[in-house]
Structure formats: structure tokens, C-alpha cells
Amino acid sequence: MTIRRVKTHTGQTGYVYQYYFVGKRPALDSDPEAPSTEFIFDVTSDRKTIFAVSIFLHPEALSAWAAGRGRTLSESEQYAAVKLRLMQAFDEIPDMLNHGRRLRLEVDELPVLLDSIGVE
């Protein structure tokens, strides 16, 4: 049995979200976001309805980071960027269930998010 570490985030939208990391995988070939890595989180804002949120990290974003910084991102740095994108969505999207279940981590967002936590 897998024990999940449930985390909490109070969004600027006023909702208190609970979430945990489910895992990551290559995006399915049939997915419009392919090729990318899909990071999946289970999320709830009411402790009753749990829904999946997928965040897609595209190879272009990783390549741009590597070209601009002279190194590749580690697995833990990729996870940190994706988690920051999730927090950003919690703060900006008032209805995650209906409008925030498929998110992208854009090329221009990646350095901004990682700079905010001191990753260079």
C-alpha cells in the first residue's frame, strides 16, 4: 500500500487545496501535448471531490533552459518547477475542477518559476 503525503495550499482565489503527487509518465502518443512529460497530481478543494490535474513539461522548455543556463535540469528541479506551476494555478484559476485540469509549463514560465526559488 502506497502512503501519500497530502499537502495543503491556500490559493489567492480563496480555496484551500489538498493535493498529492501521483506520478509522472511520458504523455500518451494520442495526447495533443505529446511529446512531453505528464506530471499527475490528485487534488481536492472540498475533501469530497478528488480530481486529477496534469501538468505537461515539454522538451522545448527543458532545451531552452539548458541552452540559457548551460546545464540540464535535474529530476528534482523539474518536479519543483511543475509543483510551482500547480501552486500558480491554485492562485490564478478560480475553478480548478472545470478549468485547471490540464496545464502546461511554458518555455518562458520555467525560468521565472525556478528563479523564484533560487535555481540558476
C-alpha atoms as a PDB file:
ATOM      1  CA  MET A   1       0.000   0.000   0.000  1.00  0.00           C
ATOM      2  CA  THR A   2       1.315   3.416  -1.003  1.00  0.00           C
ATOM      3  CA  ILE A   3       1.083   6.152   1.598  1.00  0.00           C
ATOM      4  CA  ARG A   4       0.629   9.552   0.016  1.00  0.00           C
ATOM      5  CA  ARG A   5       1.911  12.733   1.598  1.00  0.00           C
ATOM      6  CA  VAL A   6      -1.031  15.099   1.395  1.00  0.00           C
ATOM      7  CA  LYS A   7      -0.067  18.758   1.188  1.00  0.00           C
ATOM      8  CA  THR A   8      -2.174  21.884   1.565  1.00  0.00           C
ATOM      9  CA  HIS A   9      -2.105  25.179  -0.310  1.00  0.00           C
ATOM     10  CA  THR A  10      -4.321  28.200   0.278  1.00  0.00           C
ATOM     11  CA  GLY A  11      -4.817  29.809  -3.097  1.00  0.00           C
ATOM     12  CA  GLN A  12      -5.227  33.509  -3.698  1.00  0.00           C
ATOM     13  CA  THR A  13      -8.640  32.554  -5.094  1.00  0.00           C
ATOM     14  CA  GLY A  14      -9.729  31.755  -1.522  1.00  0.00           C
ATOM     15  CA  TYR A  15      -9.858  27.982  -1.944  1.00  0.00           C
ATOM     16  CA  VAL A  16      -7.819  25.693   0.282  1.00  0.00           C
ATOM     17  CA  TYR A  17      -6.494  22.834  -1.819  1.00  0.00           C
ATOM     18  CA  GLN A  18      -5.202  19.491  -0.668  1.00  0.00           C
ATOM     19  CA  TYR A  19      -3.100  17.598  -3.163  1.00  0.00           C
ATOM     20  CA  TYR A  20      -0.567  14.851  -3.576  1.00  0.00           C
ATOM     21  CA  PHE A  21       1.778  13.738  -6.308  1.00  0.00           C
ATOM     22  CA  VAL A  22       0.596  10.605  -8.107  1.00  0.00           C
ATOM     23  CA  GLY A  23       3.461  10.184 -10.574  1.00  0.00           C
ATOM     24  CA  LYS A  24       4.858  11.097 -13.941  1.00  0.00           C
ATOM     25  CA  ARG A  25       4.911   9.461 -17.338  1.00  0.00           C
ATOM     26  CA  PRO A  26       5.534  10.284 -20.960  1.00  0.00           C
ATOM     27  CA  ALA A  27       2.417  11.883 -22.406  1.00  0.00           C
ATOM     28  CA  LEU A  28       0.361   9.386 -24.367  1.00  0.00           C
ATOM     29  CA  ASP A  29       1.070   9.433 -28.105  1.00  0.00           C
ATOM     30  CA  SER A  30      -2.564  10.362 -28.765  1.00  0.00           C
ATOM     31  CA  ASP A  31      -2.424  13.344 -26.380  1.00  0.00           C
ATOM     32  CA  PRO A  32      -2.172  16.757 -28.074  1.00  0.00           C
ATOM     33  CA  GLU A  33       0.550  17.674 -25.552  1.00  0.00           C
ATOM     34  CA  ALA A  34       2.827  14.843 -26.762  1.00  0.00           C
ATOM     35  CA  PRO A  35       5.747  14.717 -26.733  1.00  0.00           C
ATOM     36  CA  SER A  36       6.099  15.850 -23.151  1.00  0.00           C
ATOM     37  CA  THR A  37       6.306  14.519 -19.622  1.00  0.00           C
ATOM     38  CA  GLU A  38       2.989  14.451 -17.779  1.00  0.00           C
ATOM     39  CA  PHE A  39       3.132  15.050 -14.029  1.00  0.00           C
ATOM     40  CA  ILE A  40      -0.089  13.984 -12.303  1.00  0.00           C
ATOM     41  CA  PHE A  41      -1.471  15.276  -9.007  1.00  0.00           C
ATOM     42  CA  ASP A  42      -4.698  14.360  -7.240  1.00  0.00           C
ATOM     43  CA  VAL A  43      -6.407  17.494  -5.930  1.00  0.00           C
ATOM     44  CA  THR A  44      -9.422  18.418  -3.805  1.00  0.00           C
ATOM     45  CA  SER A  45     -10.819  21.719  -2.611  1.00  0.00           C
ATOM     46  CA  ASP A  46     -13.709  20.309  -0.606  1.00  0.00           C
ATOM     47  CA  ARG A  47     -12.410  16.954   0.706  1.00  0.00           C
ATOM     48  CA  LYS A  48     -15.232  15.242  -1.183  1.00  0.00           C
ATOM     49  CA  THR A  49     -14.366  15.505  -4.846  1.00  0.00           C
ATOM     50  CA  ILE A  50     -10.875  14.401  -5.854  1.00  0.00           C
ATOM     51  CA  PHE A  51      -9.751  15.098  -9.395  1.00  0.00           C
ATOM     52  CA  ALA A  52      -6.543  14.690 -11.356  1.00  0.00           C
ATOM     53  CA  VAL A  53      -4.501  17.655 -12.532  1.00  0.00           C
ATOM     54  CA  SER A  54      -1.923  17.006 -15.232  1.00  0.00           C
ATOM     55  CA  ILE A  55       0.964  19.370 -15.848  1.00  0.00           C
ATOM     56  CA  PHE A  56       2.848  18.896 -19.104  1.00  0.00           C
ATOM     57  CA  LEU A  57       6.547  19.704 -19.271  1.00  0.00           C
ATOM     58  CA  HIS A  58       7.652  19.897 -22.900  1.00  0.00           C
ATOM     59  CA  PRO A  59      11.145  19.066 -24.142  1.00  0.00           C
ATOM     60  CA  GLU A  60      11.336  22.543 -25.690  1.00  0.00           C
ATOM     61  CA  ALA A  61      11.143  24.107 -22.224  1.00  0.00           C
ATOM     62  CA  LEU A  62      13.927  21.841 -20.958  1.00  0.00           C
ATOM     63  CA  SER A  63      16.070  22.528 -24.042  1.00  0.00           C
ATOM     64  CA  ALA A  64      15.617  26.290 -23.696  1.00  0.00           C
ATOM     65  CA  TRP A  65      16.574  26.079 -20.028  1.00  0.00           C
ATOM     66  CA  ALA A  66      19.696  24.062 -20.845  1.00  0.00           C
ATOM     67  CA  ALA A  67      20.708  26.428 -23.644  1.00  0.00           C
ATOM     68  CA  GLY A  68      20.246  29.509 -21.461  1.00  0.00           C
ATOM     69  CA  ARG A  69      21.849  28.115 -18.312  1.00  0.00           C
ATOM     70  CA  GLY A  70      24.496  25.776 -19.702  1.00  0.00           C
ATOM     71  CA  ARG A  71      23.173  22.713 -17.880  1.00  0.00           C
ATOM     72  CA  THR A  72      20.184  20.413 -17.780  1.00  0.00           C
ATOM     73  CA  LEU A  73      17.592  20.403 -15.041  1.00  0.00           C
ATOM     74  CA  SER A  74      17.750  17.561 -12.548  1.00  0.00           C
ATOM     75  CA  GLU A  75      14.688  15.409 -11.884  1.00  0.00           C
ATOM     76  CA  SER A  76      14.083  17.174  -8.561  1.00  0.00           C
ATOM     77  CA  GLU A  77      14.361  20.603 -10.227  1.00  0.00           C
ATOM     78  CA  GLN A  78      11.837  19.533 -12.873  1.00  0.00           C
ATOM     79  CA  TYR A  79       9.463  18.399 -10.120  1.00  0.00           C
ATOM     80  CA  ALA A  80       9.973  21.713  -8.286  1.00  0.00           C
ATOM     81  CA  ALA A  81       9.071  23.664 -11.430  1.00  0.00           C
ATOM     82  CA  VAL A  82       5.973  21.567 -12.021  1.00  0.00           C
ATOM     83  CA  LYS A  83       4.859  21.937  -8.408  1.00  0.00           C
ATOM     84  CA  LEU A  84       5.331  25.712  -8.626  1.00  0.00           C
ATOM     85  CA  ARG A  85       3.158  25.688 -11.764  1.00  0.00           C
ATOM     86  CA  LEU A  86       0.487  23.845  -9.780  1.00  0.00           C
ATOM     87  CA  MET A  87       0.656  26.461  -6.994  1.00  0.00           C
ATOM     88  CA  GLN A  88       0.394  29.205  -9.617  1.00  0.00           C
ATOM     89  CA  ALA A  89      -2.763  27.571 -10.966  1.00  0.00           C
ATOM     90  CA  PHE A  90      -4.230  27.327  -7.459  1.00  0.00           C
ATOM     91  CA  ASP A  91      -3.615  31.068  -7.091  1.00  0.00           C
ATOM     92  CA  GLU A  92      -4.965  32.098 -10.504  1.00  0.00           C
ATOM     93  CA  ILE A  93      -7.724  29.679 -11.569  1.00  0.00           C
ATOM     94  CA  PRO A  94     -10.917  30.044  -9.530  1.00  0.00           C
ATOM     95  CA  ASP A  95     -12.431  26.751 -10.737  1.00  0.00           C
ATOM     96  CA  MET A  96      -9.675  24.148 -10.948  1.00  0.00           C
ATOM     97  CA  LEU A  97     -12.111  21.265 -11.363  1.00  0.00           C
ATOM     98  CA  ASN A  98     -13.568  22.649 -14.593  1.00  0.00           C
ATOM     99  CA  HIS A  99     -10.773  24.849 -15.936  1.00  0.00           C
ATOM    100  CA  GLY A 100      -7.453  23.741 -14.478  1.00  0.00           C
ATOM    101  CA  ARG A 101      -7.073  20.017 -15.019  1.00  0.00           C
ATOM    102  CA  ARG A 102      -4.632  20.188 -17.948  1.00  0.00           C
ATOM    103  CA  LEU A 103      -1.828  22.712 -17.543  1.00  0.00           C
ATOM    104  CA  ARG A 104       1.338  23.401 -19.484  1.00  0.00           C
ATOM    105  CA  LEU A 105       4.640  24.595 -18.150  1.00  0.00           C
ATOM    106  CA  GLU A 106       5.587  27.047 -20.890  1.00  0.00           C
ATOM    107  CA  VAL A 107       9.118  27.803 -22.087  1.00  0.00           C
ATOM    108  CA  ASP A 108       9.005  31.369 -20.729  1.00  0.00           C
ATOM    109  CA  GLU A 109       7.466  30.321 -17.371  1.00  0.00           C
ATOM    110  CA  LEU A 110      10.121  27.762 -16.463  1.00  0.00           C
ATOM    111  CA  PRO A 111      12.975  30.196 -15.697  1.00  0.00           C
ATOM    112  CA  VAL A 112      10.653  32.614 -13.890  1.00  0.00           C
ATOM    113  CA  LEU A 113       9.323  29.907 -11.592  1.00  0.00           C
ATOM    114  CA  LEU A 114      12.738  28.427 -10.874  1.00  0.00           C
ATOM    115  CA  ASP A 115      14.335  31.849 -10.350  1.00  0.00           C
ATOM    116  CA  SER A 116      11.703  32.471  -7.660  1.00  0.00           C
ATOM    117  CA  ILE A 117      13.246  29.678  -5.567  1.00  0.00           C
ATOM    118  CA  GLY A 118      16.872  30.423  -6.428  1.00  0.00           C
ATOM    119  CA  VAL A 119      17.526  27.700  -9.012  1.00  0.00           C
ATOM    120  CA  GLU A 120      20.064  29.019 -11.508  1.00  0.00           C
END
